[in-house]
Full PDB file with SEQRES, HELIX, SHEET, SSBOND, CRYST1, ORIGX, SCALE, CONECT and MASTER records, all heavy atoms in Angstrom:
SEQRES   1 A   32  LEU ALA CYS ARG ALA ALA ALA ALA VAL PRO GLY LEU SER          
SEQRES   2 A   32  GLY PHE TYR GLY VAL ASP LEU VAL LEU GLY PRO GLU GLY          
SEQRES   3 A   32  ASP TRP VAL ILE GLU ILE                                      
HELIX    1 AA1 ALA A    2  ALA A    6  1                                   5    
SHEET    1 AA1 2 ASP A  19  GLY A  23  0                                        
SHEET    2 AA1 2 GLY A  26  GLU A  31 -1                                        
CRYST1    1.000    1.000    1.000  90.00  90.00  90.00 P 1           1          
ORIGX1      1.000000  0.000000  0.000000        0.00000                         
ORIGX2      0.000000  1.000000  0.000000        0.00000                         
ORIGX3      0.000000  0.000000  1.000000        0.00000                         
SCALE1      1.000000  0.000000  0.000000        0.00000                         
SCALE2      0.000000  1.000000  0.000000        0.00000                         
SCALE3      0.000000  0.000000  1.000000        0.00000                         
ATOM      1  N   LEU A   1     -59.578-110.275 -81.404  1.00  0.00           N  
ATOM      2  CA  LEU A   1     -58.150-109.854 -81.540  1.00  0.00           C  
ATOM      3  C   LEU A   1     -57.530-110.607 -82.759  1.00  0.00           C  
ATOM      4  O   LEU A   1     -56.808-109.927 -83.557  1.00  0.00           O  
ATOM      5  CB  LEU A   1     -57.380-110.403 -80.298  1.00  0.00           C  
ATOM      6  CG  LEU A   1     -55.941-110.189 -80.233  1.00  0.00           C  
ATOM      7  CD1 LEU A   1     -55.527-108.637 -80.370  1.00  0.00           C  
ATOM      8  CD2 LEU A   1     -55.323-110.723 -78.914  1.00  0.00           C  
ATOM      9  N   ALA A   2     -57.853-111.746 -83.019  1.00  0.00           N  
ATOM     10  CA  ALA A   2     -57.428-112.514 -84.220  1.00  0.00           C  
ATOM     11  C   ALA A   2     -57.890-111.766 -85.541  1.00  0.00           C  
ATOM     12  O   ALA A   2     -57.095-111.613 -86.433  1.00  0.00           O  
ATOM     13  CB  ALA A   2     -57.831-114.010 -84.106  1.00  0.00           C  
ATOM     14  N   CYS A   3     -59.115-111.469 -85.457  1.00  0.00           N  
ATOM     15  CA  CYS A   3     -59.623-110.778 -86.668  1.00  0.00           C  
ATOM     16  C   CYS A   3     -59.030-109.303 -86.920  1.00  0.00           C  
ATOM     17  O   CYS A   3     -58.663-109.055 -88.008  1.00  0.00           O  
ATOM     18  CB  CYS A   3     -61.191-110.558 -86.578  1.00  0.00           C  
ATOM     19  SG  CYS A   3     -62.030-112.121 -86.807  1.00  0.00           S  
ATOM     20  N   ARG A   4     -58.804-108.661 -85.865  1.00  0.00           N  
ATOM     21  CA  ARG A   4     -58.064-107.373 -86.010  1.00  0.00           C  
ATOM     22  C   ARG A   4     -56.677-107.497 -86.472  1.00  0.00           C  
ATOM     23  O   ARG A   4     -56.112-106.795 -87.256  1.00  0.00           O  
ATOM     24  CB  ARG A   4     -58.042-106.609 -84.646  1.00  0.00           C  
ATOM     25  CG  ARG A   4     -59.421-106.079 -84.225  1.00  0.00           C  
ATOM     26  CD  ARG A   4     -59.439-105.388 -82.890  1.00  0.00           C  
ATOM     27  NE  ARG A   4     -58.274-104.436 -82.831  1.00  0.00           N  
ATOM     28  CZ  ARG A   4     -57.614-104.214 -81.685  1.00  0.00           C  
ATOM     29  NH1 ARG A   4     -58.015-104.846 -80.612  1.00  0.00           N  
ATOM     30  NH2 ARG A   4     -56.625-103.365 -81.652  1.00  0.00           N  
ATOM     31  N   ALA A   5     -55.953-108.523 -85.986  1.00  0.00           N  
ATOM     32  CA  ALA A   5     -54.587-108.921 -86.414  1.00  0.00           C  
ATOM     33  C   ALA A   5     -54.546-109.268 -87.843  1.00  0.00           C  
ATOM     34  O   ALA A   5     -53.723-108.718 -88.669  1.00  0.00           O  
ATOM     35  CB  ALA A   5     -53.961-109.959 -85.594  1.00  0.00           C  
ATOM     36  N   ALA A   6     -55.366-110.126 -88.280  1.00  0.00           N  
ATOM     37  CA  ALA A   6     -55.464-110.478 -89.679  1.00  0.00           C  
ATOM     38  C   ALA A   6     -55.880-109.319 -90.657  1.00  0.00           C  
ATOM     39  O   ALA A   6     -55.188-109.190 -91.730  1.00  0.00           O  
ATOM     40  CB  ALA A   6     -56.521-111.610 -89.994  1.00  0.00           C  
ATOM     41  N   ALA A   7     -56.708-108.417 -90.140  1.00  0.00           N  
ATOM     42  CA  ALA A   7     -57.146-107.434 -91.017  1.00  0.00           C  
ATOM     43  C   ALA A   7     -55.912-106.224 -91.038  1.00  0.00           C  
ATOM     44  O   ALA A   7     -55.850-105.496 -92.067  1.00  0.00           O  
ATOM     45  CB  ALA A   7     -58.299-106.564 -90.381  1.00  0.00           C  
ATOM     46  N   ALA A   8     -54.938-106.402 -90.276  1.00  0.00           N  
ATOM     47  CA  ALA A   8     -53.757-105.413 -90.247  1.00  0.00           C  
ATOM     48  C   ALA A   8     -52.686-105.890 -91.271  1.00  0.00           C  
ATOM     49  O   ALA A   8     -51.756-105.166 -91.454  1.00  0.00           O  
ATOM     50  CB  ALA A   8     -53.214-105.320 -88.855  1.00  0.00           C  
ATOM     51  N   VAL A   9     -52.880-107.066 -91.796  1.00  0.00           N  
ATOM     52  CA  VAL A   9     -51.872-107.527 -92.809  1.00  0.00           C  
ATOM     53  C   VAL A   9     -52.367-107.467 -94.183  1.00  0.00           C  
ATOM     54  O   VAL A   9     -53.372-108.230 -94.653  1.00  0.00           O  
ATOM     55  CB  VAL A   9     -51.574-108.990 -92.461  1.00  0.00           C  
ATOM     56  CG1 VAL A   9     -50.462-109.502 -93.480  1.00  0.00           C  
ATOM     57  CG2 VAL A   9     -50.967-109.216 -91.044  1.00  0.00           C  
ATOM     58  N   PRO A  10     -51.913-106.505 -94.997  1.00  0.00           N  
ATOM     59  CA  PRO A  10     -52.414-106.357 -96.331  1.00  0.00           C  
ATOM     60  C   PRO A  10     -52.182-107.564 -97.239  1.00  0.00           C  
ATOM     61  O   PRO A  10     -51.146-108.223 -97.169  1.00  0.00           O  
ATOM     62  CB  PRO A  10     -51.543-105.075 -96.907  1.00  0.00           C  
ATOM     63  CG  PRO A  10     -50.986-104.507 -95.734  1.00  0.00           C  
ATOM     64  CD  PRO A  10     -50.845-105.510 -94.629  1.00  0.00           C  
ATOM     65  N   GLY A  11     -53.234-107.983 -98.000  1.00  0.00           N  
ATOM     66  CA  GLY A  11     -53.077-109.104 -98.919  1.00  0.00           C  
ATOM     67  C   GLY A  11     -53.249-110.513 -98.261  1.00  0.00           C  
ATOM     68  O   GLY A  11     -53.136-111.456 -99.045  1.00  0.00           O  
ATOM     69  N   LEU A  12     -53.479-110.581 -96.959  1.00  0.00           N  
ATOM     70  CA  LEU A  12     -53.488-111.810 -96.337  1.00  0.00           C  
ATOM     71  C   LEU A  12     -54.856-112.475 -96.743  1.00  0.00           C  
ATOM     72  O   LEU A  12     -55.936-111.925 -96.729  1.00  0.00           O  
ATOM     73  CB  LEU A  12     -53.562-111.650 -94.815  1.00  0.00           C  
ATOM     74  CG  LEU A  12     -53.633-112.928 -94.033  1.00  0.00           C  
ATOM     75  CD1 LEU A  12     -52.312-113.738 -94.131  1.00  0.00           C  
ATOM     76  CD2 LEU A  12     -53.772-112.567 -92.580  1.00  0.00           C  
ATOM     77  N   SER A  13     -54.743-113.690 -97.307  1.00  0.00           N  
ATOM     78  CA  SER A  13     -55.951-114.424 -97.733  1.00  0.00           C  
ATOM     79  C   SER A  13     -55.721-115.915 -97.671  1.00  0.00           C  
ATOM     80  O   SER A  13     -54.597-116.340 -97.292  1.00  0.00           O  
ATOM     81  CB  SER A  13     -56.340-114.077 -99.135  1.00  0.00           C  
ATOM     82  OG  SER A  13     -55.386-114.541-100.052  1.00  0.00           O  
ATOM     83  N   GLY A  14     -56.659-116.707 -97.777  1.00  0.00           N  
ATOM     84  CA  GLY A  14     -56.536-118.206 -97.694  1.00  0.00           C  
ATOM     85  C   GLY A  14     -56.525-118.610 -96.276  1.00  0.00           C  
ATOM     86  O   GLY A  14     -57.152-118.083 -95.422  1.00  0.00           O  
ATOM     87  N   PHE A  15     -55.889-119.733 -96.061  1.00  0.00           N  
ATOM     88  CA  PHE A  15     -55.812-120.337 -94.744  1.00  0.00           C  
ATOM     89  C   PHE A  15     -54.594-119.855 -93.975  1.00  0.00           C  
ATOM     90  O   PHE A  15     -53.464-119.772 -94.460  1.00  0.00           O  
ATOM     91  CB  PHE A  15     -55.758-121.895 -94.838  1.00  0.00           C  
ATOM     92  CG  PHE A  15     -56.845-122.473 -95.476  1.00  0.00           C  
ATOM     93  CD1 PHE A  15     -56.775-123.129 -96.648  1.00  0.00           C  
ATOM     94  CD2 PHE A  15     -58.215-122.451 -94.879  1.00  0.00           C  
ATOM     95  CE1 PHE A  15     -57.865-123.678 -97.336  1.00  0.00           C  
ATOM     96  CE2 PHE A  15     -59.354-123.016 -95.479  1.00  0.00           C  
ATOM     97  CZ  PHE A  15     -59.051-123.665 -96.676  1.00  0.00           C  
ATOM     98  N   TYR A  16     -54.912-119.432 -92.788  1.00  0.00           N  
ATOM     99  CA  TYR A  16     -53.729-118.898 -91.974  1.00  0.00           C  
ATOM    100  C   TYR A  16     -54.127-119.112 -90.456  1.00  0.00           C  
ATOM    101  O   TYR A  16     -55.293-119.274 -90.075  1.00  0.00           O  
ATOM    102  CB  TYR A  16     -53.369-117.403 -92.168  1.00  0.00           C  
ATOM    103  CG  TYR A  16     -54.634-116.531 -92.156  1.00  0.00           C  
ATOM    104  CD1 TYR A  16     -55.039-115.947 -90.966  1.00  0.00           C  
ATOM    105  CD2 TYR A  16     -55.389-116.222 -93.207  1.00  0.00           C  
ATOM    106  CE1 TYR A  16     -56.109-115.203 -90.835  1.00  0.00           C  
ATOM    107  CE2 TYR A  16     -56.461-115.429 -93.166  1.00  0.00           C  
ATOM    108  CZ  TYR A  16     -56.857-114.768 -91.996  1.00  0.00           C  
ATOM    109  OH  TYR A  16     -57.874-114.077 -91.921  1.00  0.00           O  
ATOM    110  N   GLY A  17     -53.117-119.171 -89.586  1.00  0.00           N  
ATOM    111  CA  GLY A  17     -53.369-119.300 -88.178  1.00  0.00           C  
ATOM    112  C   GLY A  17     -52.782-118.014 -87.459  1.00  0.00           C  
ATOM    113  O   GLY A  17     -51.861-117.437 -87.860  1.00  0.00           O  
ATOM    114  N   VAL A  18     -53.520-117.696 -86.383  1.00  0.00           N  
ATOM    115  CA  VAL A  18     -53.105-116.531 -85.632  1.00  0.00           C  
ATOM    116  C   VAL A  18     -52.919-117.058 -84.170  1.00  0.00           C  
ATOM    117  O   VAL A  18     -53.808-117.627 -83.526  1.00  0.00           O  
ATOM    118  CB  VAL A  18     -54.279-115.482 -85.561  1.00  0.00           C  
ATOM    119  CG1 VAL A  18     -53.781-114.275 -84.737  1.00  0.00           C  
ATOM    120  CG2 VAL A  18     -54.587-114.929 -86.980  1.00  0.00           C  
ATOM    121  N   ASP A  19     -51.565-116.914 -83.736  1.00  0.00           N  
ATOM    122  CA  ASP A  19     -51.252-117.461 -82.397  1.00  0.00           C  
ATOM    123  C   ASP A  19     -51.440-116.239 -81.386  1.00  0.00           C  
ATOM    124  O   ASP A  19     -50.954-115.213 -81.619  1.00  0.00           O  
ATOM    125  CB  ASP A  19     -49.841-117.918 -82.345  1.00  0.00           C  
ATOM    126  CG  ASP A  19     -49.611-119.222 -83.217  1.00  0.00           C  
ATOM    127  OD1 ASP A  19     -50.687-119.862 -83.509  1.00  0.00           O  
ATOM    128  OD2 ASP A  19     -48.412-119.580 -83.467  1.00  0.00           O  
ATOM    129  N   LEU A  20     -52.200-116.619 -80.422  1.00  0.00           N  
ATOM    130  CA  LEU A  20     -52.470-115.613 -79.343  1.00  0.00           C  
ATOM    131  C   LEU A  20     -52.029-116.051 -77.957  1.00  0.00           C  
ATOM    132  O   LEU A  20     -51.925-117.277 -77.740  1.00  0.00           O  
ATOM    133  CB  LEU A  20     -53.955-115.381 -79.245  1.00  0.00           C  
ATOM    134  CG  LEU A  20     -54.797-115.057 -80.553  1.00  0.00           C  
ATOM    135  CD1 LEU A  20     -56.282-115.045 -80.258  1.00  0.00           C  
ATOM    136  CD2 LEU A  20     -54.300-113.716 -81.148  1.00  0.00           C  
ATOM    137  N   VAL A  21     -51.765-115.097 -77.092  1.00  0.00           N  
ATOM    138  CA  VAL A  21     -51.642-115.353 -75.730  1.00  0.00           C  
ATOM    139  C   VAL A  21     -52.798-114.468 -74.950  1.00  0.00           C  
ATOM    140  O   VAL A  21     -52.739-113.293 -75.213  1.00  0.00           O  
ATOM    141  CB  VAL A  21     -50.309-115.051 -75.225  1.00  0.00           C  
ATOM    142  CG1 VAL A  21     -50.225-115.065 -73.628  1.00  0.00           C  
ATOM    143  CG2 VAL A  21     -49.244-115.945 -75.695  1.00  0.00           C  
ATOM    144  N   LEU A  22     -53.633-115.209 -74.274  1.00  0.00           N  
ATOM    145  CA  LEU A  22     -54.708-114.514 -73.537  1.00  0.00           C  
ATOM    146  C   LEU A  22     -54.415-114.621 -72.001  1.00  0.00           C  
ATOM    147  O   LEU A  22     -54.162-115.699 -71.536  1.00  0.00           O  
ATOM    148  CB  LEU A  22     -56.137-115.130 -73.838  1.00  0.00           C  
ATOM    149  CG  LEU A  22     -56.330-115.196 -75.355  1.00  0.00           C  
ATOM    150  CD1 LEU A  22     -57.608-115.942 -75.592  1.00  0.00           C  
ATOM    151  CD2 LEU A  22     -56.404-113.909 -75.997  1.00  0.00           C  
ATOM    152  N   GLY A  23     -54.427-113.545 -71.302  1.00  0.00           N  
ATOM    153  CA  GLY A  23     -54.229-113.624 -69.868  1.00  0.00           C  
ATOM    154  C   GLY A  23     -54.567-112.341 -69.144  1.00  0.00           C  
ATOM    155  O   GLY A  23     -54.975-111.320 -69.708  1.00  0.00           O  
ATOM    156  N   PRO A  24     -54.485-112.452 -67.862  1.00  0.00           N  
ATOM    157  CA  PRO A  24     -54.828-111.325 -66.964  1.00  0.00           C  
ATOM    158  C   PRO A  24     -54.048-110.066 -67.249  1.00  0.00           C  
ATOM    159  O   PRO A  24     -54.505-108.925 -66.923  1.00  0.00           O  
ATOM    160  CB  PRO A  24     -54.587-111.911 -65.446  1.00  0.00           C  
ATOM    161  CG  PRO A  24     -53.712-113.004 -65.642  1.00  0.00           C  
ATOM    162  CD  PRO A  24     -53.826-113.522 -66.987  1.00  0.00           C  
ATOM    163  N   GLU A  25     -52.879-110.196 -67.651  1.00  0.00           N  
ATOM    164  CA  GLU A  25     -51.934-108.952 -67.939  1.00  0.00           C  
ATOM    165  C   GLU A  25     -52.333-108.312 -69.312  1.00  0.00           C  
ATOM    166  O   GLU A  25     -51.790-107.304 -69.658  1.00  0.00           O  
ATOM    167  CB  GLU A  25     -50.531-109.381 -67.938  1.00  0.00           C  
ATOM    168  CG  GLU A  25     -50.132-109.955 -66.648  1.00  0.00           C  
ATOM    169  CD  GLU A  25     -50.116-108.942 -65.472  1.00  0.00           C  
ATOM    170  OE1 GLU A  25     -49.766-107.787 -65.718  1.00  0.00           O  
ATOM    171  OE2 GLU A  25     -50.404-109.376 -64.380  1.00  0.00           O  
ATOM    172  N   GLY A  26     -53.091-108.916 -70.104  1.00  0.00           N  
ATOM    173  CA  GLY A  26     -53.518-108.513 -71.410  1.00  0.00           C  
ATOM    174  C   GLY A  26     -53.449-109.680 -72.512  1.00  0.00           C  
ATOM    175  O   GLY A  26     -53.046-110.755 -72.173  1.00  0.00           O  
ATOM    176  N   ASP A  27     -53.926-109.340 -73.562  1.00  0.00           N  
ATOM    177  CA  ASP A  27     -54.009-110.356 -74.696  1.00  0.00           C  
ATOM    178  C   ASP A  27     -53.108-109.897 -75.788  1.00  0.00           C  
ATOM    179  O   ASP A  27     -53.066-108.666 -76.106  1.00  0.00           O  
ATOM    180  CB  ASP A  27     -55.548-110.469 -75.239  1.00  0.00           C  
ATOM    181  CG  ASP A  27     -56.432-110.857 -74.156  1.00  0.00           C  
ATOM    182  OD1 ASP A  27     -56.007-111.467 -73.232  1.00  0.00           O  
ATOM    183  OD2 ASP A  27     -57.642-110.417 -74.208  1.00  0.00           O  
ATOM    184  N   TRP A  28     -52.346-110.841 -76.396  1.00  0.00           N  
ATOM    185  CA  TRP A  28     -51.387-110.494 -77.347  1.00  0.00           C  
ATOM    186  C   TRP A  28     -51.304-111.319 -78.580  1.00  0.00           C  
ATOM    187  O   TRP A  28     -51.538-112.672 -78.374  1.00  0.00           O  
ATOM    188  CB  TRP A  28     -49.919-110.607 -76.707  1.00  0.00           C  
ATOM    189  CG  TRP A  28     -49.765-109.820 -75.531  1.00  0.00           C  
ATOM    190  CD1 TRP A  28     -49.999-110.142 -74.281  1.00  0.00           C  
ATOM    191  CD2 TRP A  28     -49.462-108.339 -75.384  1.00  0.00           C  
ATOM    192  NE1 TRP A  28     -49.872-109.151 -73.335  1.00  0.00           N  
ATOM    193  CE2 TRP A  28     -49.407-107.952 -74.105  1.00  0.00           C  
ATOM    194  CE3 TRP A  28     -49.108-107.454 -76.383  1.00  0.00           C  
ATOM    195  CZ2 TRP A  28     -49.163-106.718 -73.660  1.00  0.00           C  
ATOM    196  CZ3 TRP A  28     -48.813-106.185 -75.994  1.00  0.00           C  
ATOM    197  CH2 TRP A  28     -48.848-105.789 -74.591  1.00  0.00           C  
ATOM    198  N   VAL A  29     -51.109-110.900 -79.715  1.00  0.00           N  
ATOM    199  CA  VAL A  29     -50.853-111.675 -80.926  1.00  0.00           C  
ATOM    200  C   VAL A  29     -49.376-111.941 -81.023  1.00  0.00           C  
ATOM    201  O   VAL A  29     -48.548-111.067 -80.882  1.00  0.00           O  
ATOM    202  CB  VAL A  29     -51.229-110.956 -82.197  1.00  0.00           C  
ATOM    203  CG1 VAL A  29     -50.934-111.725 -83.495  1.00  0.00           C  
ATOM    204  CG2 VAL A  29     -52.749-110.601 -82.162  1.00  0.00           C  
ATOM    205  N   ILE A  30     -49.025-113.291 -81.006  1.00  0.00           N  
ATOM    206  CA  ILE A  30     -47.619-113.665 -81.200  1.00  0.00           C  
ATOM    207  C   ILE A  30     -47.140-113.782 -82.647  1.00  0.00           C  
ATOM    208  O   ILE A  30     -46.045-113.186 -82.950  1.00  0.00           O  
ATOM    209  CB  ILE A  30     -47.435-114.969 -80.486  1.00  0.00           C  
ATOM    210  CG1 ILE A  30     -47.951-114.971 -79.038  1.00  0.00           C  
ATOM    211  CG2 ILE A  30     -45.998-115.507 -80.592  1.00  0.00           C  
ATOM    212  CD1 ILE A  30     -47.193-113.992 -78.184  1.00  0.00           C  
ATOM    213  N   GLU A  31     -47.865-114.367 -83.438  1.00  0.00           N  
ATOM    214  CA  GLU A  31     -47.537-114.469 -84.964  1.00  0.00           C  
ATOM    215  C   GLU A  31     -48.806-114.810 -85.710  1.00  0.00           C  
ATOM    216  O   GLU A  31     -49.772-115.359 -85.189  1.00  0.00           O  
ATOM    217  CB  GLU A  31     -46.405-115.522 -85.169  1.00  0.00           C  
ATOM    218  CG  GLU A  31     -46.768-116.832 -84.647  1.00  0.00           C  
ATOM    219  CD  GLU A  31     -45.591-117.836 -84.996  1.00  0.00           C  
ATOM    220  OE1 GLU A  31     -44.657-117.492 -85.500  1.00  0.00           O  
ATOM    221  OE2 GLU A  31     -45.795-119.055 -84.548  1.00  0.00           O  
ATOM    222  N   ILE A  32     -48.627-114.655 -87.041  1.00  0.00           N  
ATOM    223  CA  ILE A  32     -49.598-115.021 -88.017  1.00  0.00           C  
ATOM    224  C   ILE A  32     -48.900-116.026 -88.977  1.00  0.00           C  
ATOM    225  O   ILE A  32     -47.855-115.634 -89.505  1.00  0.00           O  
ATOM    226  CB  ILE A  32     -50.264-113.896 -88.722  1.00  0.00           C  
ATOM    227  CG1 ILE A  32     -50.880-112.954 -87.701  1.00  0.00           C  
ATOM    228  CG2 ILE A  32     -51.126-114.366 -89.880  1.00  0.00           C  
ATOM    229  CD1 ILE A  32     -51.483-111.703 -88.345  1.00  0.00           C  
TER     230      ILE A  32                                                      
MASTER        0    0    0    1    2    0    0    6  229    1    0    3          
END                                                                             
């Protein structure tokens, strides 16, 4: 999920963090 989210942001490079919520209702990217 984090890799898919990062790939969806054109030009993203270097160090970055992907905040996720993982749970029984589904998994979500909160922010990059």
